[in-house]
Amino acid sequence: MAHPDMDALLDEGLQVAIHFLEKNGEFFPFGVTMAPDGSIAHTQGYTGDEHPPSQEVIDLLLRGFQSGATAGDYKSTALISDVRVSLDGTTKTDAISVTVEHHEDQPVTCLLPYTKTDAGYEFGELIAQRADSNVFPH
């Protein structure tokens, strides 16, 4: 990634997601934000439902990110979710998805494939790709 702020949010998001996977075997979508002063905070989207659909939580988090970005509260955001992706065009695999946006840079989605084994979790190579801007207008 180009901007150091984006790297910091990617690292934070991956560490937290891996922690929840290893502890609970799953995690709900969550966010990590960076304020203009560089401080990092974690955010969750609460819908009132015990087991909300992931897309509802993602939409709620994105609305909060957009509102915070407009108010000048955030200079960078990361949306972290558990996804199933096809890396080879056929087979689907589990992956941690981290979409990082920054007010001064292009958004990026990073995917960290993983498999559950008897010994825990095995993680693959991190894959980065351009993403659409949802938080900061470019």
N, C-alpha and C. Protein backbone atom coordinates (compact mmCIF):
# COMPACT_ATOMS: atom_id res chain seq x y z
N MET A 1 0.83 -1.18 0.00
CA MET A 1 0.00 0.00 0.00
C MET A 1 0.87 1.24 0.00
N ALA A 2 0.32 2.29 -0.50
CA ALA A 2 1.11 3.50 -0.70
C ALA A 2 1.27 4.31 0.58
N HIS A 3 0.21 4.53 1.32
CA HIS A 3 0.25 5.45 2.46
C HIS A 3 0.50 4.69 3.77
N PRO A 4 1.44 5.17 4.61
CA PRO A 4 1.72 4.48 5.88
C PRO A 4 0.49 4.36 6.79
N ASP A 5 -0.42 5.35 6.75
CA ASP A 5 -1.65 5.26 7.55
C ASP A 5 -2.45 4.02 7.14
N MET A 6 -2.48 3.75 5.85
CA MET A 6 -3.24 2.61 5.35
C MET A 6 -2.61 1.30 5.83
N ASP A 7 -1.26 1.24 5.83
CA ASP A 7 -0.57 0.05 6.34
C ASP A 7 -0.89 -0.18 7.81
N ALA A 8 -0.93 0.89 8.59
CA ALA A 8 -1.22 0.78 10.02
C ALA A 8 -2.62 0.20 10.25
N LEU A 9 -3.61 0.67 9.47
CA LEU A 9 -4.98 0.16 9.63
C LEU A 9 -5.09 -1.27 9.13
N LEU A 10 -4.40 -1.61 8.05
CA LEU A 10 -4.39 -2.98 7.55
C LEU A 10 -3.84 -3.92 8.62
N ASP A 11 -2.69 -3.57 9.19
CA ASP A 11 -2.08 -4.41 10.22
C ASP A 11 -3.00 -4.58 11.42
N GLU A 12 -3.58 -3.48 11.88
CA GLU A 12 -4.48 -3.53 13.04
C GLU A 12 -5.69 -4.41 12.74
N GLY A 13 -6.30 -4.21 11.57
CA GLY A 13 -7.48 -5.00 11.20
C GLY A 13 -7.19 -6.48 11.09
N LEU A 14 -6.07 -6.83 10.47
CA LEU A 14 -5.70 -8.25 10.34
C LEU A 14 -5.43 -8.87 11.69
N GLN A 15 -4.71 -8.17 12.57
CA GLN A 15 -4.40 -8.72 13.90
C GLN A 15 -5.68 -9.02 14.68
N VAL A 16 -6.62 -8.09 14.65
CA VAL A 16 -7.87 -8.27 15.39
C VAL A 16 -8.70 -9.40 14.78
N ALA A 17 -8.80 -9.44 13.46
CA ALA A 17 -9.57 -10.49 12.79
C ALA A 17 -8.99 -11.87 13.09
N ILE A 18 -7.66 -11.99 13.01
CA ILE A 18 -7.01 -13.28 13.30
C ILE A 18 -7.27 -13.67 14.75
N HIS A 19 -7.20 -12.71 15.67
CA HIS A 19 -7.48 -12.98 17.09
C HIS A 19 -8.89 -13.56 17.26
N PHE A 20 -9.89 -12.91 16.64
CA PHE A 20 -11.27 -13.38 16.77
C PHE A 20 -11.46 -14.75 16.11
N LEU A 21 -10.83 -14.96 14.97
CA LEU A 21 -10.92 -16.27 14.32
C LEU A 21 -10.38 -17.36 15.23
N GLU A 22 -9.20 -17.14 15.78
CA GLU A 22 -8.56 -18.15 16.62
C GLU A 22 -9.32 -18.36 17.92
N LYS A 23 -9.95 -17.30 18.44
CA LYS A 23 -10.68 -17.40 19.71
C LYS A 23 -12.08 -17.95 19.51
N ASN A 24 -12.81 -17.45 18.48
CA ASN A 24 -14.23 -17.77 18.32
C ASN A 24 -14.57 -18.57 17.07
N GLY A 25 -13.61 -18.71 16.16
CA GLY A 25 -13.88 -19.42 14.91
C GLY A 25 -14.62 -18.59 13.88
N GLU A 26 -14.89 -17.34 14.19
CA GLU A 26 -15.59 -16.44 13.27
C GLU A 26 -15.47 -15.02 13.81
N PHE A 27 -15.92 -14.05 12.99
CA PHE A 27 -16.04 -12.68 13.48
C PHE A 27 -17.05 -11.94 12.62
N PHE A 28 -17.70 -10.97 13.23
CA PHE A 28 -18.62 -10.11 12.50
C PHE A 28 -17.81 -8.98 11.86
N PRO A 29 -18.31 -8.39 10.79
CA PRO A 29 -17.60 -7.26 10.19
C PRO A 29 -17.38 -6.16 11.24
N PHE A 30 -16.23 -5.51 11.15
CA PHE A 30 -15.91 -4.41 12.06
C PHE A 30 -15.05 -3.40 11.32
N GLY A 31 -14.82 -2.27 11.96
CA GLY A 31 -14.01 -1.23 11.34
C GLY A 31 -12.88 -0.79 12.23
N VAL A 32 -11.88 -0.21 11.58
CA VAL A 32 -10.78 0.44 12.27
C VAL A 32 -10.64 1.81 11.61
N THR A 33 -10.55 2.84 12.42
CA THR A 33 -10.48 4.20 11.88
C THR A 33 -9.24 4.91 12.40
N MET A 34 -8.81 5.91 11.62
CA MET A 34 -7.70 6.76 12.05
C MET A 34 -8.17 8.21 12.02
N ALA A 35 -8.02 8.86 13.16
CA ALA A 35 -8.37 10.28 13.28
C ALA A 35 -7.26 11.13 12.66
N PRO A 36 -7.55 12.41 12.42
CA PRO A 36 -6.52 13.30 11.86
C PRO A 36 -5.22 13.35 12.69
N ASP A 37 -5.31 13.10 14.00
CA ASP A 37 -4.11 13.13 14.84
C ASP A 37 -3.34 11.80 14.82
N GLY A 38 -3.85 10.82 14.05
CA GLY A 38 -3.17 9.53 13.93
C GLY A 38 -3.65 8.47 14.90
N SER A 39 -4.55 8.83 15.81
CA SER A 39 -5.04 7.84 16.76
C SER A 39 -5.96 6.83 16.06
N ILE A 40 -5.85 5.58 16.49
CA ILE A 40 -6.60 4.48 15.88
C ILE A 40 -7.69 4.02 16.84
N ALA A 41 -8.88 3.79 16.28
CA ALA A 41 -10.01 3.30 17.09
C ALA A 41 -10.69 2.16 16.35
N HIS A 42 -11.35 1.29 17.12
CA HIS A 42 -12.11 0.18 16.55
C HIS A 42 -13.58 0.55 16.57
N THR A 43 -14.32 0.15 15.55
CA THR A 43 -15.75 0.43 15.51
C THR A 43 -16.49 -0.85 15.17
N GLN A 44 -17.70 -0.94 15.72
CA GLN A 44 -18.58 -2.06 15.40
C GLN A 44 -19.92 -1.49 14.98
N GLY A 45 -20.62 -2.25 14.17
CA GLY A 45 -21.96 -1.85 13.75
C GLY A 45 -22.98 -2.70 14.47
N TYR A 46 -23.77 -2.10 15.33
CA TYR A 46 -24.78 -2.85 16.07
C TYR A 46 -26.14 -2.59 15.46
N THR A 47 -26.78 -3.67 15.00
CA THR A 47 -28.09 -3.55 14.35
C THR A 47 -29.23 -3.86 15.31
N GLY A 48 -28.90 -4.32 16.51
CA GLY A 48 -29.94 -4.74 17.45
C GLY A 48 -30.22 -6.23 17.37
N ASP A 49 -29.69 -6.89 16.34
CA ASP A 49 -29.89 -8.32 16.12
C ASP A 49 -28.68 -9.08 16.68
N GLU A 50 -28.95 -10.22 17.32
CA GLU A 50 -27.87 -11.04 17.90
C GLU A 50 -26.95 -11.59 16.80
N HIS A 51 -27.52 -12.01 15.67
CA HIS A 51 -26.75 -12.55 14.55
C HIS A 51 -27.19 -11.84 13.26
N PRO A 52 -26.78 -10.59 13.10
CA PRO A 52 -27.23 -9.81 11.94
C PRO A 52 -26.57 -10.31 10.65
N PRO A 53 -27.24 -10.15 9.52
CA PRO A 53 -26.59 -10.44 8.25
C PRO A 53 -25.37 -9.53 8.08
N SER A 54 -24.28 -10.09 7.60
CA SER A 54 -23.03 -9.33 7.46
C SER A 54 -23.23 -8.06 6.64
N GLN A 55 -24.03 -8.13 5.56
CA GLN A 55 -24.19 -6.96 4.70
C GLN A 55 -24.85 -5.81 5.46
N GLU A 56 -25.77 -6.10 6.37
CA GLU A 56 -26.39 -5.04 7.18
C GLU A 56 -25.34 -4.34 8.04
N VAL A 57 -24.44 -5.13 8.64
CA VAL A 57 -23.39 -4.56 9.49
C VAL A 57 -22.43 -3.74 8.63
N ILE A 58 -22.06 -4.25 7.46
CA ILE A 58 -21.16 -3.53 6.55
C ILE A 58 -21.78 -2.21 6.13
N ASP A 59 -23.06 -2.22 5.76
CA ASP A 59 -23.74 -0.99 5.36
C ASP A 59 -23.76 0.03 6.50
N LEU A 60 -24.02 -0.44 7.71
CA LEU A 60 -24.04 0.43 8.89
C LEU A 60 -22.65 1.04 9.14
N LEU A 61 -21.61 0.21 9.05
CA LEU A 61 -20.25 0.70 9.24
C LEU A 61 -19.89 1.74 8.17
N LEU A 62 -20.23 1.46 6.92
CA LEU A 62 -19.92 2.40 5.84
C LEU A 62 -20.62 3.74 6.03
N ARG A 63 -21.88 3.71 6.47
CA ARG A 63 -22.59 4.97 6.74
C ARG A 63 -21.88 5.75 7.84
N GLY A 64 -21.43 5.07 8.87
CA GLY A 64 -20.68 5.72 9.95
C GLY A 64 -19.36 6.29 9.46
N PHE A 65 -18.65 5.53 8.61
CA PHE A 65 -17.40 6.02 8.04
C PHE A 65 -17.64 7.27 7.21
N GLN A 66 -18.68 7.24 6.36
CA GLN A 66 -18.98 8.38 5.49
C GLN A 66 -19.31 9.62 6.32
N SER A 67 -20.12 9.42 7.34
CA SER A 67 -20.49 10.53 8.22
C SER A 67 -19.26 11.10 8.92
N GLY A 68 -18.41 10.22 9.45
CA GLY A 68 -17.19 10.66 10.14
C GLY A 68 -16.21 11.34 9.20
N ALA A 69 -16.10 10.84 7.96
CA ALA A 69 -15.20 11.45 6.98
C ALA A 69 -15.68 12.84 6.61
N THR A 70 -17.00 12.98 6.41
CA THR A 70 -17.58 14.29 6.07
C THR A 70 -17.35 15.30 7.20
N ALA A 71 -17.44 14.82 8.44
CA ALA A 71 -17.25 15.70 9.60
C ALA A 71 -15.77 15.99 9.88
N GLY A 72 -14.88 15.30 9.15
CA GLY A 72 -13.44 15.51 9.39
C GLY A 72 -12.90 14.69 10.54
N ASP A 73 -13.66 13.70 11.01
CA ASP A 73 -13.23 12.88 12.14
C ASP A 73 -12.21 11.80 11.74
N TYR A 74 -12.22 11.42 10.44
CA TYR A 74 -11.35 10.33 9.97
C TYR A 74 -10.51 10.79 8.80
N LYS A 75 -9.25 10.34 8.79
CA LYS A 75 -8.44 10.52 7.59
C LYS A 75 -8.23 9.19 6.88
N SER A 76 -8.54 8.09 7.56
CA SER A 76 -8.42 6.77 6.95
C SER A 76 -9.37 5.81 7.67
N THR A 77 -9.92 4.85 6.91
CA THR A 77 -10.82 3.86 7.48
C THR A 77 -10.47 2.49 6.92
N ALA A 78 -10.80 1.45 7.67
CA ALA A 78 -10.65 0.08 7.19
C ALA A 78 -11.90 -0.70 7.57
N LEU A 79 -12.44 -1.42 6.61
CA LEU A 79 -13.60 -2.28 6.82
C LEU A 79 -13.12 -3.72 6.72
N ILE A 80 -13.32 -4.48 7.79
CA ILE A 80 -12.81 -5.84 7.86
C ILE A 80 -13.99 -6.80 7.92
N SER A 81 -13.96 -7.83 7.06
CA SER A 81 -15.03 -8.82 7.05
C SER A 81 -14.47 -10.19 6.68
N ASP A 82 -15.26 -11.20 6.98
CA ASP A 82 -14.93 -12.59 6.68
C ASP A 82 -15.67 -12.93 5.39
N VAL A 83 -14.95 -13.32 4.34
CA VAL A 83 -15.57 -13.54 3.04
C VAL A 83 -15.19 -14.90 2.47
N ARG A 84 -15.92 -15.31 1.44
CA ARG A 84 -15.55 -16.48 0.63
C ARG A 84 -15.23 -15.95 -0.75
N VAL A 85 -14.05 -16.28 -1.24
CA VAL A 85 -13.61 -15.78 -2.54
C VAL A 85 -13.06 -16.91 -3.39
N SER A 86 -13.10 -16.70 -4.68
CA SER A 86 -12.50 -17.63 -5.62
C SER A 86 -11.21 -17.01 -6.13
N LEU A 87 -10.10 -17.55 -5.70
CA LEU A 87 -8.80 -17.01 -6.08
C LEU A 87 -8.32 -17.58 -7.41
N ASP A 88 -8.78 -18.79 -7.74
CA ASP A 88 -8.35 -19.43 -8.98
C ASP A 88 -9.47 -19.47 -10.02
N GLY A 89 -10.60 -18.83 -9.72
CA GLY A 89 -11.71 -18.81 -10.67
C GLY A 89 -12.70 -19.95 -10.48
N THR A 90 -12.37 -20.93 -9.65
CA THR A 90 -13.28 -22.06 -9.44
C THR A 90 -13.52 -22.35 -7.97
N THR A 91 -12.49 -22.70 -7.24
CA THR A 91 -12.62 -23.11 -5.85
C THR A 91 -12.79 -21.89 -4.94
N LYS A 92 -13.77 -21.96 -4.05
CA LYS A 92 -13.95 -20.86 -3.08
C LYS A 92 -13.17 -21.18 -1.81
N THR A 93 -12.61 -20.13 -1.24
CA THR A 93 -11.88 -20.27 0.01
C THR A 93 -12.28 -19.14 0.96
N ASP A 94 -12.09 -19.37 2.25
CA ASP A 94 -12.34 -18.34 3.25
C ASP A 94 -11.19 -17.34 3.21
N ALA A 95 -11.51 -16.08 3.48
CA ALA A 95 -10.47 -15.04 3.53
C ALA A 95 -10.92 -13.90 4.43
N ILE A 96 -9.94 -13.26 5.03
CA ILE A 96 -10.19 -12.01 5.74
C ILE A 96 -10.06 -10.91 4.69
N SER A 97 -11.07 -10.08 4.58
CA SER A 97 -11.06 -8.96 3.64
C SER A 97 -10.89 -7.66 4.42
N VAL A 98 -9.93 -6.85 3.99
CA VAL A 98 -9.69 -5.55 4.61
C VAL A 98 -9.69 -4.50 3.50
N THR A 99 -10.72 -3.66 3.48
CA THR A 99 -10.76 -2.57 2.51
C THR A 99 -10.35 -1.29 3.22
N VAL A 100 -9.22 -0.73 2.78
CA VAL A 100 -8.65 0.45 3.43
C VAL A 100 -8.82 1.65 2.50
N GLU A 101 -9.35 2.72 3.06
CA GLU A 101 -9.50 3.97 2.31
C GLU A 101 -8.78 5.09 3.06
N HIS A 102 -8.26 6.04 2.29
CA HIS A 102 -7.55 7.18 2.86
C HIS A 102 -7.94 8.42 2.08
N HIS A 103 -8.04 9.54 2.76
CA HIS A 103 -8.48 10.76 2.09
C HIS A 103 -7.48 11.25 1.05
N GLU A 104 -6.23 10.76 1.09
CA GLU A 104 -5.22 11.20 0.14
C GLU A 104 -4.77 10.12 -0.83
N ASP A 105 -5.41 8.95 -0.83
CA ASP A 105 -4.91 7.86 -1.65
C ASP A 105 -6.04 7.00 -2.20
N GLN A 106 -5.70 6.12 -3.13
CA GLN A 106 -6.68 5.22 -3.74
C GLN A 106 -7.02 4.08 -2.76
N PRO A 107 -8.30 3.68 -2.71
CA PRO A 107 -8.70 2.58 -1.84
C PRO A 107 -8.13 1.24 -2.32
N VAL A 108 -7.86 0.36 -1.36
CA VAL A 108 -7.32 -0.95 -1.65
C VAL A 108 -8.06 -1.99 -0.82
N THR A 109 -8.34 -3.15 -1.44
CA THR A 109 -8.86 -4.28 -0.69
C THR A 109 -7.77 -5.34 -0.63
N CYS A 110 -7.47 -5.80 0.57
CA CYS A 110 -6.49 -6.86 0.77
C CYS A 110 -7.23 -8.10 1.26
N LEU A 111 -6.87 -9.24 0.69
CA LEU A 111 -7.48 -10.51 1.07
C LEU A 111 -6.41 -11.42 1.64
N LEU A 112 -6.70 -11.98 2.82
CA LEU A 112 -5.80 -12.94 3.45
C LEU A 112 -6.53 -14.29 3.51
N PRO A 113 -6.25 -15.19 2.54
CA PRO A 113 -6.93 -16.49 2.54
C PRO A 113 -6.53 -17.30 3.77
N TYR A 114 -7.47 -18.12 4.25
CA TYR A 114 -7.14 -18.98 5.38
C TYR A 114 -7.92 -20.29 5.30
N THR A 115 -7.37 -21.30 5.96
CA THR A 115 -8.07 -22.59 6.11
C THR A 115 -7.95 -23.00 7.57
N LYS A 116 -9.01 -23.64 8.04
CA LYS A 116 -9.01 -24.16 9.41
C LYS A 116 -8.46 -25.58 9.37
N THR A 117 -7.50 -25.85 10.23
CA THR A 117 -6.91 -27.18 10.31
C THR A 117 -7.10 -27.71 11.73
N ASP A 118 -6.71 -28.94 11.96
CA ASP A 118 -6.79 -29.51 13.31
C ASP A 118 -5.91 -28.74 14.29
N ALA A 119 -4.84 -28.16 13.77
CA ALA A 119 -3.89 -27.43 14.62
C ALA A 119 -4.25 -25.96 14.79
N GLY A 120 -5.28 -25.49 14.09
CA GLY A 120 -5.65 -24.07 14.17
C GLY A 120 -5.94 -23.53 12.78
N TYR A 121 -5.35 -22.38 12.47
CA TYR A 121 -5.58 -21.75 11.17
C TYR A 121 -4.27 -21.62 10.41
N GLU A 122 -4.35 -21.82 9.10
CA GLU A 122 -3.21 -21.58 8.22
C GLU A 122 -3.59 -20.44 7.30
N PHE A 123 -2.70 -19.48 7.14
CA PHE A 123 -2.97 -18.31 6.34
C PHE A 123 -2.11 -18.32 5.08
N GLY A 124 -2.70 -17.87 3.98
CA GLY A 124 -2.00 -17.82 2.70
C GLY A 124 -1.31 -16.48 2.51
N GLU A 125 -1.00 -16.19 1.26
CA GLU A 125 -0.35 -14.93 0.90
C GLU A 125 -1.38 -13.81 0.82
N LEU A 126 -1.01 -12.63 1.29
CA LEU A 126 -1.88 -11.46 1.22
C LEU A 126 -1.98 -10.99 -0.23
N ILE A 127 -3.20 -10.77 -0.69
CA ILE A 127 -3.46 -10.31 -2.05
C ILE A 127 -4.06 -8.92 -1.97
N ALA A 128 -3.49 -7.97 -2.72
CA ALA A 128 -4.00 -6.59 -2.73
C ALA A 128 -4.57 -6.26 -4.10
N GLN A 129 -5.70 -5.55 -4.11
CA GLN A 129 -6.30 -5.11 -5.37
C GLN A 129 -6.96 -3.76 -5.16
N ARG A 130 -7.09 -3.01 -6.25
CA ARG A 130 -7.77 -1.71 -6.18
C ARG A 130 -9.22 -1.92 -5.74
N ALA A 131 -9.75 -0.94 -5.04
CA ALA A 131 -11.13 -1.01 -4.57
C ALA A 131 -11.87 0.26 -4.97
N ASP A 132 -13.18 0.20 -4.90
CA ASP A 132 -13.99 1.38 -5.15
C ASP A 132 -13.98 2.26 -3.90
N SER A 133 -14.08 3.55 -4.12
CA SER A 133 -14.12 4.50 -3.02
C SER A 133 -15.56 4.60 -2.50
N ASN A 134 -15.75 4.28 -1.22
CA ASN A 134 -17.05 4.37 -0.59
C ASN A 134 -17.12 5.42 0.50
N VAL A 135 -15.94 5.86 0.98
CA VAL A 135 -15.90 6.74 2.15
C VAL A 135 -15.44 8.15 1.77
N PHE A 136 -14.32 8.23 1.09
CA PHE A 136 -13.74 9.53 0.72
C PHE A 136 -13.95 9.76 -0.77
N PRO A 137 -14.64 10.83 -1.17
CA PRO A 137 -14.80 11.09 -2.60
C PRO A 137 -13.47 11.48 -3.23
N HIS A 138 -13.14 10.84 -4.35
CA HIS A 138 -11.87 11.14 -5.05
C HIS A 138 -12.17 11.74 -6.40
